[in-house]
């Protein structure tokens, strides 16, 4: 039972006090949930970084890590700071020292190279791996191009059925423009390791 006058005091409590109290309790609950979620993310990152494969009709089985992975045959200085606006180095998360080979990936070909700031970039067959900023979904391959920094190739783990041996015939090319230069972009292709 309530005492006389108790409801009256509550009813007349300033609304700001009630709002602050509700906000504080809700904030504590959110902090608890956010702490658990960030722990789960940290735990996941510490477990490893997986390089996988994806089958495509045009290129065969390609390497992916969220999106398609590429290597560079550099010209000049290779992929500098301006290059990194388009080509995103595949870096291991802090605390992870090597990538894990997913299904279809040759684990013996995975490695790392040290970059500035003690960051480790994943390599495959001794070549540094990159993602192309214009590939917006898994399986897109828009980065088989020649540009200011060199020749980029999708990493092919297994060629498509019936593709036979690689020939020296060049596919038709198109011209694209990026902010720093006009480049010739050969059609198709890829690097098999």
C-alpha atoms as a PDB file:
ATOM      1  CA  UNK A   1       0.000   0.000   0.000  1.00  0.00           C
ATOM      2  CA  UNK A   2       1.102   3.506  -0.679  1.00  0.00           C
ATOM      3  CA  UNK A   3       1.285   6.153   1.979  1.00  0.00           C
ATOM      4  CA  UNK A   4      -0.841   9.221   1.610  1.00  0.00           C
ATOM      5  CA  UNK A   5       0.956  11.985  -0.283  1.00  0.00           C
ATOM      6  CA  UNK A   6       3.460   9.625  -1.934  1.00  0.00           C
ATOM      7  CA  UNK A   7       1.732   9.768  -5.302  1.00  0.00           C
ATOM      8  CA  UNK A   8       1.439  13.487  -5.018  1.00  0.00           C
ATOM      9  CA  UNK A   9       5.195  13.894  -4.655  1.00  0.00           C
ATOM     10  CA  UNK A  10       5.892  11.646  -7.644  1.00  0.00           C
ATOM     11  CA  UNK A  11       3.266  13.292  -9.764  1.00  0.00           C
ATOM     12  CA  UNK A  12       4.826  16.664  -9.124  1.00  0.00           C
ATOM     13  CA  UNK A  13       8.402  15.598  -9.722  1.00  0.00           C
ATOM     14  CA  UNK A  14      10.029  17.744 -12.393  1.00  0.00           C
ATOM     15  CA  UNK A  15       9.885  16.094 -15.810  1.00  0.00           C
ATOM     16  CA  UNK A  16      13.580  16.772 -16.370  1.00  0.00           C
ATOM     17  CA  UNK A  17      14.453  14.634 -13.344  1.00  0.00           C
ATOM     18  CA  UNK A  18      12.458  11.699 -14.674  1.00  0.00           C
ATOM     19  CA  UNK A  19      13.947  12.073 -18.146  1.00  0.00           C
ATOM     20  CA  UNK A  20      17.497  12.155 -16.738  1.00  0.00           C
ATOM     21  CA  UNK A  21      16.790   9.056 -14.679  1.00  0.00           C
ATOM     22  CA  UNK A  22      15.369   7.136 -17.663  1.00  0.00           C
ATOM     23  CA  UNK A  23      18.257   8.287 -19.869  1.00  0.00           C
ATOM     24  CA  UNK A  24      20.836   7.197 -17.255  1.00  0.00           C
ATOM     25  CA  UNK A  25      19.325   3.730 -16.875  1.00  0.00           C
ATOM     26  CA  UNK A  26      19.076   3.321 -20.658  1.00  0.00           C
ATOM     27  CA  UNK A  27      22.653   4.521 -21.090  1.00  0.00           C
ATOM     28  CA  UNK A  28      23.924   1.928 -18.620  1.00  0.00           C
ATOM     29  CA  UNK A  29      22.084  -0.805 -20.494  1.00  0.00           C
ATOM     30  CA  UNK A  30      23.500   0.355 -23.846  1.00  0.00           C
ATOM     31  CA  UNK A  31      27.017   0.569 -22.428  1.00  0.00           C
ATOM     32  CA  UNK A  32      26.735  -3.011 -21.249  1.00  0.00           C
ATOM     33  CA  UNK A  33      25.487  -4.211 -24.667  1.00  0.00           C
ATOM     34  CA  UNK A  34      28.096  -2.170 -26.580  1.00  0.00           C
ATOM     35  CA  UNK A  35      30.876  -3.545 -24.369  1.00  0.00           C
ATOM     36  CA  UNK A  36      29.774  -7.095 -25.142  1.00  0.00           C
ATOM     37  CA  UNK A  37      29.539  -6.389 -28.879  1.00  0.00           C
ATOM     38  CA  UNK A  38      32.971  -4.751 -29.061  1.00  0.00           C
ATOM     39  CA  UNK A  39      34.451  -7.706 -27.181  1.00  0.00           C
ATOM     40  CA  UNK A  40      32.944 -10.039 -29.755  1.00  0.00           C
ATOM     41  CA  UNK A  41      34.401  -8.009 -32.623  1.00  0.00           C
ATOM     42  CA  UNK A  42      37.831  -7.881 -30.996  1.00  0.00           C
ATOM     43  CA  UNK A  43      37.719 -11.613 -30.308  1.00  0.00           C
ATOM     44  CA  UNK A  44      36.784 -12.285 -33.940  1.00  0.00           C
ATOM     45  CA  UNK A  45      39.601 -10.147 -35.327  1.00  0.00           C
ATOM     46  CA  UNK A  46      42.150 -11.867 -33.110  1.00  0.00           C
ATOM     47  CA  UNK A  47      41.074 -15.296 -34.427  1.00  0.00           C
ATOM     48  CA  UNK A  48      42.279 -14.586 -37.964  1.00  0.00           C
ATOM     49  CA  UNK A  49      41.814 -13.008 -41.313  1.00  0.00           C
ATOM     50  CA  UNK A  50      40.498 -15.302 -44.050  1.00  0.00           C
ATOM     51  CA  UNK A  51      41.314 -15.160 -47.758  1.00  0.00           C
ATOM     52  CA  UNK A  52      38.637 -17.126 -49.639  1.00  0.00           C
ATOM     53  CA  UNK A  53      37.711 -18.024 -53.194  1.00  0.00           C
ATOM     54  CA  UNK A  54      34.696 -17.271 -55.354  1.00  0.00           C
ATOM     55  CA  UNK A  55      33.773 -18.994 -58.618  1.00  0.00           C
ATOM     56  CA  UNK A  56      33.053 -16.690 -61.573  1.00  0.00           C
ATOM     57  CA  UNK A  57      32.054 -17.634 -65.100  1.00  0.00           C
ATOM     58  CA  UNK A  58      34.549 -15.312 -66.780  1.00  0.00           C
ATOM     59  CA  UNK A  59      37.674 -15.659 -64.608  1.00  0.00           C
ATOM     60  CA  UNK A  60      37.233 -19.000 -62.873  1.00  0.00           C
ATOM     61  CA  UNK A  61      37.902 -19.255 -59.151  1.00  0.00           C
ATOM     62  CA  UNK A  62      39.273 -15.960 -57.857  1.00  0.00           C
ATOM     63  CA  UNK A  63      40.637 -14.837 -54.500  1.00  0.00           C
ATOM     64  CA  UNK A  64      38.384 -12.638 -52.386  1.00  0.00           C
ATOM     65  CA  UNK A  65      38.335 -10.981 -49.006  1.00  0.00           C
ATOM     66  CA  UNK A  66      34.917  -9.302 -48.965  1.00  0.00           C
ATOM     67  CA  UNK A  67      35.583  -8.207 -52.580  1.00  0.00           C
ATOM     68  CA  UNK A  68      37.867  -9.315 -55.408  1.00  0.00           C
ATOM     69  CA  UNK A  69      41.619  -9.299 -54.787  1.00  0.00           C
ATOM     70  CA  UNK A  70      44.225  -7.991 -57.232  1.00  0.00           C
ATOM     71  CA  UNK A  71      47.998  -7.877 -57.636  1.00  0.00           C
ATOM     72  CA  UNK A  72      50.103  -5.208 -59.304  1.00  0.00           C
ATOM     73  CA  UNK A  73      52.913  -5.405 -61.828  1.00  0.00           C
ATOM     74  CA  UNK A  74      54.234  -1.932 -61.040  1.00  0.00           C
ATOM     75  CA  UNK A  75      55.671   0.687 -63.304  1.00  0.00           C
ATOM     76  CA  UNK A  76      57.725   3.413 -61.725  1.00  0.00           C
ATOM     77  CA  UNK A  77      57.280   3.682 -57.974  1.00  0.00           C
ATOM     78  CA  UNK A  78      54.244   1.391 -57.903  1.00  0.00           C
ATOM     79  CA  UNK A  79      51.254   2.076 -55.640  1.00  0.00           C
ATOM     80  CA  UNK A  80      51.942   5.356 -53.829  1.00  0.00           C
ATOM     81  CA  UNK A  81      49.652   7.510 -51.640  1.00  0.00           C
ATOM     82  CA  UNK A  82      47.569   8.723 -54.628  1.00  0.00           C
ATOM     83  CA  UNK A  83      47.181   5.119 -55.795  1.00  0.00           C
ATOM     84  CA  UNK A  84      45.747   4.149 -52.424  1.00  0.00           C
ATOM     85  CA  UNK A  85      42.670   6.284 -53.130  1.00  0.00           C
ATOM     86  CA  UNK A  86      41.649   3.609 -55.673  1.00  0.00           C
ATOM     87  CA  UNK A  87      43.616   0.549 -54.619  1.00  0.00           C
ATOM     88  CA  UNK A  88      43.154  -0.539 -51.006  1.00  0.00           C
ATOM     89  CA  UNK A  89      45.963  -2.621 -49.570  1.00  0.00           C
ATOM     90  CA  UNK A  90      44.735  -5.825 -47.910  1.00  0.00           C
ATOM     91  CA  UNK A  91      46.056  -5.259 -44.375  1.00  0.00           C
ATOM     92  CA  UNK A  92      45.837  -7.620 -41.437  1.00  0.00           C
ATOM     93  CA  UNK A  93      43.975  -6.326 -38.375  1.00  0.00           C
ATOM     94  CA  UNK A  94      46.087  -5.348 -35.376  1.00  0.00           C
ATOM     95  CA  UNK A  95      47.210  -8.443 -33.475  1.00  0.00           C
ATOM     96  CA  UNK A  96      46.850 -10.798 -36.463  1.00  0.00           C
ATOM     97  CA  UNK A  97      50.156 -11.956 -37.967  1.00  0.00           C
ATOM     98  CA  UNK A  98      49.012 -14.059 -40.906  1.00  0.00           C
ATOM     99  CA  UNK A  99      46.012 -14.654 -43.120  1.00  0.00           C
ATOM    100  CA  UNK A 100      44.090 -17.910 -42.999  1.00  0.00           C
ATOM    101  CA  UNK A 101      43.516 -19.865 -46.213  1.00  0.00           C
ATOM    102  CA  UNK A 102      39.862 -20.505 -46.959  1.00  0.00           C
ATOM    103  CA  UNK A 103      38.587 -23.303 -49.222  1.00  0.00           C
ATOM    104  CA  UNK A 104      40.473 -23.336 -52.544  1.00  0.00           C
ATOM    105  CA  UNK A 105      43.302 -21.079 -51.334  1.00  0.00           C
ATOM    106  CA  UNK A 106      46.843 -22.513 -51.276  1.00  0.00           C
ATOM    107  CA  UNK A 107      47.996 -21.719 -47.715  1.00  0.00           C
ATOM    108  CA  UNK A 108      51.662 -22.093 -48.685  1.00  0.00           C
ATOM    109  CA  UNK A 109      51.312 -19.081 -51.022  1.00  0.00           C
ATOM    110  CA  UNK A 110      49.913 -16.741 -48.346  1.00  0.00           C
ATOM    111  CA  UNK A 111      52.375 -14.406 -46.679  1.00  0.00           C
ATOM    112  CA  UNK A 112      52.838 -10.813 -45.587  1.00  0.00           C
ATOM    113  CA  UNK A 113      55.001  -7.810 -46.328  1.00  0.00           C
ATOM    114  CA  UNK A 114      55.635  -5.070 -43.766  1.00  0.00           C
ATOM    115  CA  UNK A 115      54.275  -1.607 -44.655  1.00  0.00           C
ATOM    116  CA  UNK A 116      54.651   1.769 -42.974  1.00  0.00           C
ATOM    117  CA  UNK A 117      53.428   1.947 -39.417  1.00  0.00           C
ATOM    118  CA  UNK A 118      54.321  -1.737 -38.851  1.00  0.00           C
ATOM    119  CA  UNK A 119      51.196  -2.796 -40.775  1.00  0.00           C
ATOM    120  CA  UNK A 120      51.240  -6.195 -42.482  1.00  0.00           C
ATOM    121  CA  UNK A 121      49.909  -6.432 -46.047  1.00  0.00           C
ATOM    122  CA  UNK A 122      48.762  -9.866 -47.204  1.00  0.00           C
ATOM    123  CA  UNK A 123      50.623 -11.415 -50.155  1.00  0.00           C
ATOM    124  CA  UNK A 124      49.838 -14.372 -52.399  1.00  0.00           C
ATOM    125  CA  UNK A 125      52.626 -16.023 -54.313  1.00  0.00           C
ATOM    126  CA  UNK A 126      54.903 -13.215 -53.088  1.00  0.00           C
ATOM    127  CA  UNK A 127      52.720 -10.441 -54.586  1.00  0.00           C
ATOM    128  CA  UNK A 128      50.957  -7.859 -52.413  1.00  0.00           C
ATOM    129  CA  UNK A 129      47.139  -8.022 -52.492  1.00  0.00           C
ATOM    130  CA  UNK A 130      44.777  -5.081 -53.063  1.00  0.00           C
ATOM    131  CA  UNK A 131      41.041  -4.385 -53.419  1.00  0.00           C
ATOM    132  CA  UNK A 132      39.738  -2.006 -56.095  1.00  0.00           C
ATOM    133  CA  UNK A 133      37.560   0.840 -54.749  1.00  0.00           C
ATOM    134  CA  UNK A 134      35.105   0.573 -57.685  1.00  0.00           C
ATOM    135  CA  UNK A 135      34.276  -3.094 -56.988  1.00  0.00           C
ATOM    136  CA  UNK A 136      31.111  -2.590 -54.944  1.00  0.00           C
ATOM    137  CA  UNK A 137      30.010  -6.196 -54.434  1.00  0.00           C
ATOM    138  CA  UNK A 138      31.540  -9.655 -54.132  1.00  0.00           C
ATOM    139  CA  UNK A 139      32.389 -11.070 -57.551  1.00  0.00           C
ATOM    140  CA  UNK A 140      32.715  -7.734 -59.351  1.00  0.00           C
ATOM    141  CA  UNK A 141      35.956  -7.493 -61.327  1.00  0.00           C
ATOM    142  CA  UNK A 142      36.359  -3.908 -62.529  1.00  0.00           C
ATOM    143  CA  UNK A 143      40.056  -3.647 -61.708  1.00  0.00           C
ATOM    144  CA  UNK A 144      41.817  -5.593 -64.473  1.00  0.00           C
ATOM    145  CA  UNK A 145      43.390  -2.394 -65.776  1.00  0.00           C
ATOM    146  CA  UNK A 146      46.611  -0.670 -66.704  1.00  0.00           C
ATOM    147  CA  UNK A 147      46.942   2.715 -65.061  1.00  0.00           C
ATOM    148  CA  UNK A 148      49.520   5.214 -63.818  1.00  0.00           C
ATOM    149  CA  UNK A 149      50.827   2.739 -61.236  1.00  0.00           C
ATOM    150  CA  UNK A 150      51.138  -0.344 -63.426  1.00  0.00           C
ATOM    151  CA  UNK A 151      49.135  -3.368 -64.558  1.00  0.00           C
ATOM    152  CA  UNK A 152      46.517  -4.780 -62.169  1.00  0.00           C
ATOM    153  CA  UNK A 153      45.374  -8.405 -62.320  1.00  0.00           C
ATOM    154  CA  UNK A 154      42.588 -10.311 -60.581  1.00  0.00           C
ATOM    155  CA  UNK A 155      44.128 -13.236 -58.659  1.00  0.00           C
ATOM    156  CA  UNK A 156      42.907 -16.483 -60.233  1.00  0.00           C
ATOM    157  CA  UNK A 157      43.228 -19.597 -58.064  1.00  0.00           C
ATOM    158  CA  UNK A 158      41.692 -21.909 -60.696  1.00  0.00           C
ATOM    159  CA  UNK A 159      40.847 -21.064 -64.330  1.00  0.00           C
ATOM    160  CA  UNK A 160      37.301 -21.622 -65.637  1.00  0.00           C
ATOM    161  CA  UNK A 161      36.521 -25.054 -67.077  1.00  0.00           C
ATOM    162  CA  UNK A 162      37.375 -25.312 -70.751  1.00  0.00           C
ATOM    163  CA  UNK A 163      39.657 -22.281 -70.714  1.00  0.00           C
ATOM    164  CA  UNK A 164      42.680 -24.376 -71.692  1.00  0.00           C
ATOM    165  CA  UNK A 165      46.202 -23.033 -71.497  1.00  0.00           C
ATOM    166  CA  UNK A 166      46.857 -19.319 -71.418  1.00  0.00           C
ATOM    167  CA  UNK A 167      47.450 -17.827 -74.875  1.00  0.00           C
ATOM    168  CA  UNK A 168      49.376 -14.747 -75.866  1.00  0.00           C
ATOM    169  CA  UNK A 169      46.474 -13.271 -77.838  1.00  0.00           C
ATOM    170  CA  UNK A 170      45.380  -9.968 -76.341  1.00  0.00           C
ATOM    171  CA  UNK A 171      41.674  -9.276 -75.909  1.00  0.00           C
ATOM    172  CA  UNK A 172      40.231  -6.038 -77.310  1.00  0.00           C
ATOM    173  CA  UNK A 173      40.916  -2.973 -75.201  1.00  0.00           C
ATOM    174  CA  UNK A 174      38.958   0.076 -74.158  1.00  0.00           C
ATOM    175  CA  UNK A 175      40.014   3.472 -72.877  1.00  0.00           C
ATOM    176  CA  UNK A 176      39.043   4.807 -69.473  1.00  0.00           C
ATOM    177  CA  UNK A 177      39.903   8.018 -67.717  1.00  0.00           C
ATOM    178  CA  UNK A 178      40.861   8.388 -64.095  1.00  0.00           C
ATOM    179  CA  UNK A 179      41.588  11.708 -62.359  1.00  0.00           C
ATOM    180  CA  UNK A 180      45.308  11.627 -63.157  1.00  0.00           C
ATOM    181  CA  UNK A 181      45.605  10.028 -66.578  1.00  0.00           C
ATOM    182  CA  UNK A 182      43.917   8.336 -69.508  1.00  0.00           C
ATOM    183  CA  UNK A 183      44.679   4.639 -69.528  1.00  0.00           C
ATOM    184  CA  UNK A 184      44.261   1.706 -71.830  1.00  0.00           C
ATOM    185  CA  UNK A 185      42.318  -1.096 -70.218  1.00  0.00           C
ATOM    186  CA  UNK A 186      42.703  -4.540 -71.792  1.00  0.00           C
ATOM    187  CA  UNK A 187      39.596  -6.699 -71.514  1.00  0.00           C
ATOM    188  CA  UNK A 188      39.535  -9.770 -69.286  1.00  0.00           C
ATOM    189  CA  UNK A 189      42.593 -11.594 -68.085  1.00  0.00           C
ATOM    190  CA  UNK A 190      43.974 -12.435 -64.717  1.00  0.00           C
ATOM    191  CA  UNK A 191      46.946 -13.905 -63.022  1.00  0.00           C
ATOM    192  CA  UNK A 192      46.975 -17.564 -62.121  1.00  0.00           C
ATOM    193  CA  UNK A 193      49.369 -18.613 -59.385  1.00  0.00           C
END
